[in-house]
C-alpha atoms as a PDB file:
ATOM      1  CA  GLU A   1      -9.075-105.277  14.731  1.00  0.00           C
ATOM      2  CA  VAL A   2      -5.660-103.823  13.623  1.00  0.00           C
ATOM      3  CA  ILE A   3      -3.810-106.506  15.715  1.00  0.00           C
ATOM      4  CA  ALA A   4      -5.919-109.578  14.102  1.00  0.00           C
ATOM      5  CA  LYS A   5      -5.070-108.331  11.036  1.00  0.00           C
ATOM      6  CA  ILE A   6      -1.350-107.736  11.909  1.00  0.00           C
ATOM      7  CA  THR A   7      -1.425-111.222  13.397  1.00  0.00           C
ATOM      8  CA  ARG A   8      -2.595-112.468  10.185  1.00  0.00           C
ATOM      9  CA  LEU A   9       0.411-110.566   8.138  1.00  0.00           C
ATOM     10  CA  LYS A  10       2.601-112.600  10.273  1.00  0.00           C
ATOM     11  CA  GLN A  11       1.198-115.476   9.506  1.00  0.00           C
ATOM     12  CA  ILE A  12       1.475-114.980   6.049  1.00  0.00           C
ATOM     13  CA  CYS A  13       5.186-114.798   6.277  1.00  0.00           C
ATOM     14  CA  VAL A  14       5.394-118.075   7.462  1.00  0.00           C
ATOM     15  CA  ASP A  15       3.211-120.079   5.081  1.00  0.00           C
ATOM     16  CA  GLU A  16       0.373-118.027   3.196  1.00  0.00           C
ATOM     17  CA  ARG A  17      -2.047-120.859   3.797  1.00  0.00           C
ATOM     18  CA  THR A  18      -2.181-120.448   7.988  1.00  0.00           C
ATOM     19  CA  MET A  19      -4.655-117.649   7.138  1.00  0.00           C
ATOM     20  CA  THR A  20      -7.552-119.775   6.211  1.00  0.00           C
ATOM     21  CA  GLY A  21      -6.751-122.879   8.866  1.00  0.00           C
ATOM     22  CA  ASP A  22      -4.813-125.340  10.441  1.00  0.00           C
ATOM     23  CA  VAL A  23      -2.180-126.824   7.680  1.00  0.00           C
ATOM     24  CA  ASP A  24      -0.970-129.991   7.914  1.00  0.00           C
ATOM     25  CA  THR A  25       2.422-129.884   6.207  1.00  0.00           C
ATOM     26  CA  LEU A  26       3.906-125.961   5.455  1.00  0.00           C
ATOM     27  CA  GLU A  27       5.440-125.053   2.868  1.00  0.00           C
ATOM     28  CA  GLY A  28       7.463-121.740   2.133  1.00  0.00           C
ATOM     29  CA  ALA A  29      10.761-120.029   2.399  1.00  0.00           C
ATOM     30  CA  LYS A  30      11.170-120.273   5.810  1.00  0.00           C
ATOM     31  CA  VAL A  31      10.167-123.471   6.355  1.00  0.00           C
ATOM     32  CA  ASP A  32      12.742-124.182   3.802  1.00  0.00           C
ATOM     33  CA  ALA A  33      15.332-122.112   5.630  1.00  0.00           C
ATOM     34  CA  ALA A  34      14.382-123.711   8.826  1.00  0.00           C
ATOM     35  CA  LEU A  35      14.919-127.341   6.985  1.00  0.00           C
ATOM     36  CA  GLU A  36      18.024-126.746   5.808  1.00  0.00           C
ATOM     37  CA  ILE A  37      19.217-125.390   9.201  1.00  0.00           C
ATOM     38  CA  ILE A  38      18.307-128.220  10.648  1.00  0.00           C
ATOM     39  CA  ALA A  39      19.675-130.856   7.846  1.00  0.00           C
ATOM     40  CA  GLY A  40      23.128-129.107   8.387  1.00  0.00           C
ATOM     41  CA  THR A  41      22.883-130.455  12.109  1.00  0.00           C
ATOM     42  CA  ALA A  42      23.338-133.553  14.190  1.00  0.00           C
ATOM     43  CA  ASN A  43      22.359-131.076  17.249  1.00  0.00           C
ATOM     44  CA  LYS A  44      19.317-131.361  18.823  1.00  0.00           C
ATOM     45  CA  THR A  45      17.018-128.254  18.168  1.00  0.00           C
ATOM     46  CA  LEU A  46      14.435-126.351  19.075  1.00  0.00           C
ATOM     47  CA  VAL A  47      11.903-124.715  16.709  1.00  0.00           C
ATOM     48  CA  PHE A  48       9.271-121.986  17.719  1.00  0.00           C
ATOM     49  CA  SER A  49       6.702-120.075  16.710  1.00  0.00           C
ATOM     50  CA  GLN A  50       4.190-118.107  18.055  1.00  0.00           C
ATOM     51  CA  TYR A  51       0.910-120.070  16.644  1.00  0.00           C
ATOM     52  CA  ALA A  52      -0.110-123.608  17.075  1.00  0.00           C
ATOM     53  CA  ARG A  53      -0.915-123.886  13.447  1.00  0.00           C
ATOM     54  CA  VAL A  54       2.680-122.917  12.690  1.00  0.00           C
ATOM     55  CA  VAL A  55       3.851-126.034  15.414  1.00  0.00           C
ATOM     56  CA  ASN A  56       1.721-128.776  13.915  1.00  0.00           C
ATOM     57  CA  GLY A  57       2.181-127.043  10.384  1.00  0.00           C
ATOM     58  CA  PHE A  58       6.244-127.471  11.003  1.00  0.00           C
ATOM     59  CA  ALA A  59       6.378-131.082  12.339  1.00  0.00           C
ATOM     60  CA  GLY A  60       4.496-131.917   9.563  1.00  0.00           C
ATOM     61  CA  ALA A  61       6.811-130.697   7.534  1.00  0.00           C
ATOM     62  CA  LEU A  62       9.776-132.257   8.847  1.00  0.00           C
ATOM     63  CA  ARG A  63       7.836-135.620   9.176  1.00  0.00           C
ATOM     64  CA  LYS A  64       7.549-135.236   5.718  1.00  0.00           C
ATOM     65  CA  ALA A  65      11.386-134.966   4.963  1.00  0.00           C
ATOM     66  CA  GLY A  66      11.814-138.005   7.553  1.00  0.00           C
ATOM     67  CA  VAL A  67      13.158-135.843  10.572  1.00  0.00           C
ATOM     68  CA  SER A  68      11.542-137.012  14.060  1.00  0.00           C
ATOM     69  CA  CYS A  69      10.154-134.548  15.999  1.00  0.00           C
ATOM     70  CA  VAL A  70       7.418-133.854  18.916  1.00  0.00           C
ATOM     71  CA  ALA A  71       4.883-131.125  18.415  1.00  0.00           C
ATOM     72  CA  TYR A  72       4.303-129.316  21.959  1.00  0.00           C
ATOM     73  CA  THR A  73       1.275-126.666  22.148  1.00  0.00           C
ATOM     74  CA  GLY A  74      -1.356-125.457  25.264  1.00  0.00           C
ATOM     75  CA  ALA A  75      -3.573-127.873  23.393  1.00  0.00           C
ATOM     76  CA  LEU A  76      -2.067-130.756  24.718  1.00  0.00           C
ATOM     77  CA  SER A  77      -2.835-132.350  27.828  1.00  0.00           C
ATOM     78  CA  GLU A  78       0.024-132.584  30.756  1.00  0.00           C
ATOM     79  CA  GLY A  79       0.354-136.533  29.972  1.00  0.00           C
ATOM     80  CA  GLN A  80       1.037-135.787  26.301  1.00  0.00           C
ATOM     81  CA  LYS A  81       3.622-132.986  27.152  1.00  0.00           C
ATOM     82  CA  ASP A  82       5.555-135.191  29.837  1.00  0.00           C
ATOM     83  CA  ALA A  83       6.088-137.544  26.882  1.00  0.00           C
ATOM     84  CA  ALA A  84       6.818-135.565  24.432  1.00  0.00           C
ATOM     85  CA  VAL A  85       9.721-133.907  26.624  1.00  0.00           C
ATOM     86  CA  SER A  86      10.538-137.447  27.843  1.00  0.00           C
ATOM     87  CA  THR A  87      10.950-138.608  23.601  1.00  0.00           C
ATOM     88  CA  PHE A  88      12.752-135.132  23.172  1.00  0.00           C
ATOM     89  CA  TRP A  89      15.691-136.161  25.943  1.00  0.00           C
ATOM     90  CA  ASN A  90      15.716-139.940  25.464  1.00  0.00           C
ATOM     91  CA  SER A  91      15.282-141.000  21.981  1.00  0.00           C
ATOM     92  CA  PRO A  92      18.147-140.688  19.685  1.00  0.00           C
ATOM     93  CA  THR A  93      16.518-140.375  16.742  1.00  0.00           C
ATOM     94  CA  CYS A  94      14.127-137.605  17.928  1.00  0.00           C
ATOM     95  CA  ARG A  95      16.111-134.158  17.275  1.00  0.00           C
ATOM     96  CA  ILE A  96      13.432-131.861  17.274  1.00  0.00           C
ATOM     97  CA  PHE A  97      11.412-130.255  19.642  1.00  0.00           C
ATOM     98  CA  VAL A  98       8.769-127.874  17.771  1.00  0.00           C
ATOM     99  CA  ALA A  99       6.755-125.757  20.476  1.00  0.00           C
ATOM    100  CA  THR A 100       4.715-122.378  20.916  1.00  0.00           C
ATOM    101  CA  ILE A 101       6.823-119.991  22.305  1.00  0.00           C
ATOM    102  CA  ARG A 102       4.036-119.478  25.456  1.00  0.00           C
ATOM    103  CA  SER A 103       3.826-123.165  25.918  1.00  0.00           C
ATOM    104  CA  GLY A 104       7.103-124.168  25.387  1.00  0.00           C
ATOM    105  CA  GLY A 105       8.457-121.315  26.821  1.00  0.00           C
ATOM    106  CA  VAL A 106       7.665-121.728  30.623  1.00  0.00           C
ATOM    107  CA  GLY A 107       8.909-124.255  32.857  1.00  0.00           C
ATOM    108  CA  LEU A 108      10.738-126.642  30.623  1.00  0.00           C
ATOM    109  CA  ASN A 109      14.452-127.560  30.670  1.00  0.00           C
ATOM    110  CA  LEU A 110      15.373-128.828  27.495  1.00  0.00           C
ATOM    111  CA  GLN A 111      19.412-127.718  28.126  1.00  0.00           C
ATOM    112  CA  VAL A 112      19.974-131.046  25.967  1.00  0.00           C
ATOM    113  CA  ALA A 113      19.234-128.894  22.760  1.00  0.00           C
ATOM    114  CA  ASP A 114      22.511-126.762  21.400  1.00  0.00           C
ATOM    115  CA  LEU A 115      20.254-124.781  18.910  1.00  0.00           C
ATOM    116  CA  ASP A 116      16.764-123.237  18.664  1.00  0.00           C
ATOM    117  CA  ILE A 117      15.320-121.466  15.790  1.00  0.00           C
ATOM    118  CA  PHE A 118      12.133-118.786  15.935  1.00  0.00           C
ATOM    119  CA  LEU A 119      10.077-119.526  12.720  1.00  0.00           C
ATOM    120  CA  ASP A 120       7.949-115.871  13.725  1.00  0.00           C
ATOM    121  CA  GLN A 121       8.471-113.868  17.273  1.00  0.00           C
ATOM    122  CA  ASP A 122       6.267-112.889  20.487  1.00  0.00           C
ATOM    123  CA  TRP A 123       5.493-109.459  20.162  1.00  0.00           C
ATOM    124  CA  ASN A 124       6.814-109.053  23.930  1.00  0.00           C
ATOM    125  CA  PRO A 125      10.749-110.417  23.912  1.00  0.00           C
ATOM    126  CA  GLN A 126      10.853-111.485  27.799  1.00  0.00           C
ATOM    127  CA  LYS A 127       8.595-114.352  25.829  1.00  0.00           C
ATOM    128  CA  ASN A 128      11.334-114.518  23.550  1.00  0.00           C
ATOM    129  CA  ASN A 129      14.235-114.517  25.758  1.00  0.00           C
ATOM    130  CA  GLN A 130      11.959-117.344  28.137  1.00  0.00           C
ATOM    131  CA  ALA A 131      11.694-119.547  25.252  1.00  0.00           C
ATOM    132  CA  ARG A 132      15.290-119.325  24.469  1.00  0.00           C
ATOM    133  CA  ASP A 133      16.058-119.645  28.100  1.00  0.00           C
ATOM    134  CA  ARG A 134      14.554-123.520  27.577  1.00  0.00           C
ATOM    135  CA  HIS A 135      17.791-124.594  26.774  1.00  0.00           C
ATOM    136  CA  TRP A 136      20.422-122.122  28.519  1.00  0.00           C
ATOM    137  CA  ARG A 137      21.380-122.874  31.929  1.00  0.00           C
ATOM    138  CA  LEU A 138      23.497-121.170  34.355  1.00  0.00           C
ATOM    139  CA  GLY A 139      27.246-122.453  34.442  1.00  0.00           C
ATOM    140  CA  ASP A 140      26.679-123.893  30.816  1.00  0.00           C
ATOM    141  CA  GLU A 141      28.128-120.351  28.786  1.00  0.00           C
ATOM    142  CA  GLY A 142      31.355-121.844  27.332  1.00  0.00           C
ATOM    143  CA  MET A 143      30.980-125.658  28.084  1.00  0.00           C
ATOM    144  CA  HIS A 144      28.572-126.500  25.461  1.00  0.00           C
ATOM    145  CA  PRO A 145      27.852-123.759  22.927  1.00  0.00           C
ATOM    146  CA  LYS A 146      24.094-122.980  21.681  1.00  0.00           C
ATOM    147  CA  LEU A 147      22.860-120.843  19.287  1.00  0.00           C
ATOM    148  CA  SER A 148      19.563-119.217  18.623  1.00  0.00           C
ATOM    149  CA  ILE A 149      18.255-117.882  15.088  1.00  0.00           C
ATOM    150  CA  THR A 150      14.844-116.003  13.701  1.00  0.00           C
ATOM    151  CA  ILE A 151      14.117-116.711  10.457  1.00  0.00           C
ATOM    152  CA  LEU A 152      12.598-113.343   9.138  1.00  0.00           C
ATOM    153  CA  ALA A 153      11.135-112.910   5.683  1.00  0.00           C
ATOM    154  CA  GLU A 154      12.690-109.807   3.658  1.00  0.00           C
ATOM    155  CA  ASN A 155      10.710-106.627   2.887  1.00  0.00           C
ATOM    156  CA  THR A 156       7.820-107.583   5.382  1.00  0.00           C
ATOM    157  CA  ILE A 157       5.860-106.786   8.690  1.00  0.00           C
ATOM    158  CA  GLU A 158       8.287-108.816  10.480  1.00  0.00           C
ATOM    159  CA  GLU A 159      11.186-106.700  10.235  1.00  0.00           C
ATOM    160  CA  ARG A 160       9.569-104.089  11.648  1.00  0.00           C
ATOM    161  CA  ILE A 161       8.320-105.698  14.334  1.00  0.00           C
ATOM    162  CA  ALA A 162      12.294-107.053  14.793  1.00  0.00           C
ATOM    163  CA  ARG A 163      13.113-103.584  15.000  1.00  0.00           C
ATOM    164  CA  LEU A 164      10.410-102.763  17.224  1.00  0.00           C
ATOM    165  CA  LEU A 165      11.174-105.806  19.549  1.00  0.00           C
ATOM    166  CA  GLU A 166      14.693-104.592  19.912  1.00  0.00           C
ATOM    167  CA  GLY A 167      14.061-101.283  20.742  1.00  0.00           C
ATOM    168  CA  LYS A 168      11.821-102.763  23.497  1.00  0.00           C
ATOM    169  CA  LYS A 169      14.125-104.894  24.686  1.00  0.00           C
ATOM    170  CA  HIS A 170      16.852-101.761  24.789  1.00  0.00           C
ATOM    171  CA  ILE A 171      14.578 -99.517  26.801  1.00  0.00           C
ATOM    172  CA  PHE A 172      14.318-102.423  29.015  1.00  0.00           C
ATOM    173  CA  GLU A 173      17.831-103.238  29.450  1.00  0.00           C
ATOM    174  CA  GLN A 174      18.062 -99.054  30.291  1.00  0.00           C
ATOM    175  CA  VAL A 175      15.446 -99.167  33.046  1.00  0.00           C
ATOM    176  CA  ILE A 176      16.827-102.587  34.553  1.00  0.00           C
END
């Protein structure tokens, strides 16, 4: 029950309306910040969230703003997933790939992207790293600059979770 409440608090940080169900178009400060970042670059961009309803709602916000994108969640069939990846790779007008951290974080090669934006983070820092690694490849360093941005809502549970994740990351690095 505690985890469920924390999850709801995390979702509120993106758009409070996600608490009542799916939202066609997200709104709020985090969405505005992400849209501003996207508007400021012509680069292919990955946008991640832990929640499918956030992925779908953010894709709706992009479309409302006239930005072509694909949404990628675990609810898609294999054919739909393949089509989404192909569209992102091959369409010059589709610059944004919006995915859940877990479905978009494993087994995809999206190194055509130069930027990733996290609207929220998974509890497990390794899941976030796996998602981030979708556009980073060995030998790519220095040849093709990449940027990763995590958008946090100030003075919320997200800041506390971010500190906990940094602590977990530090412990993991010391063990390895």
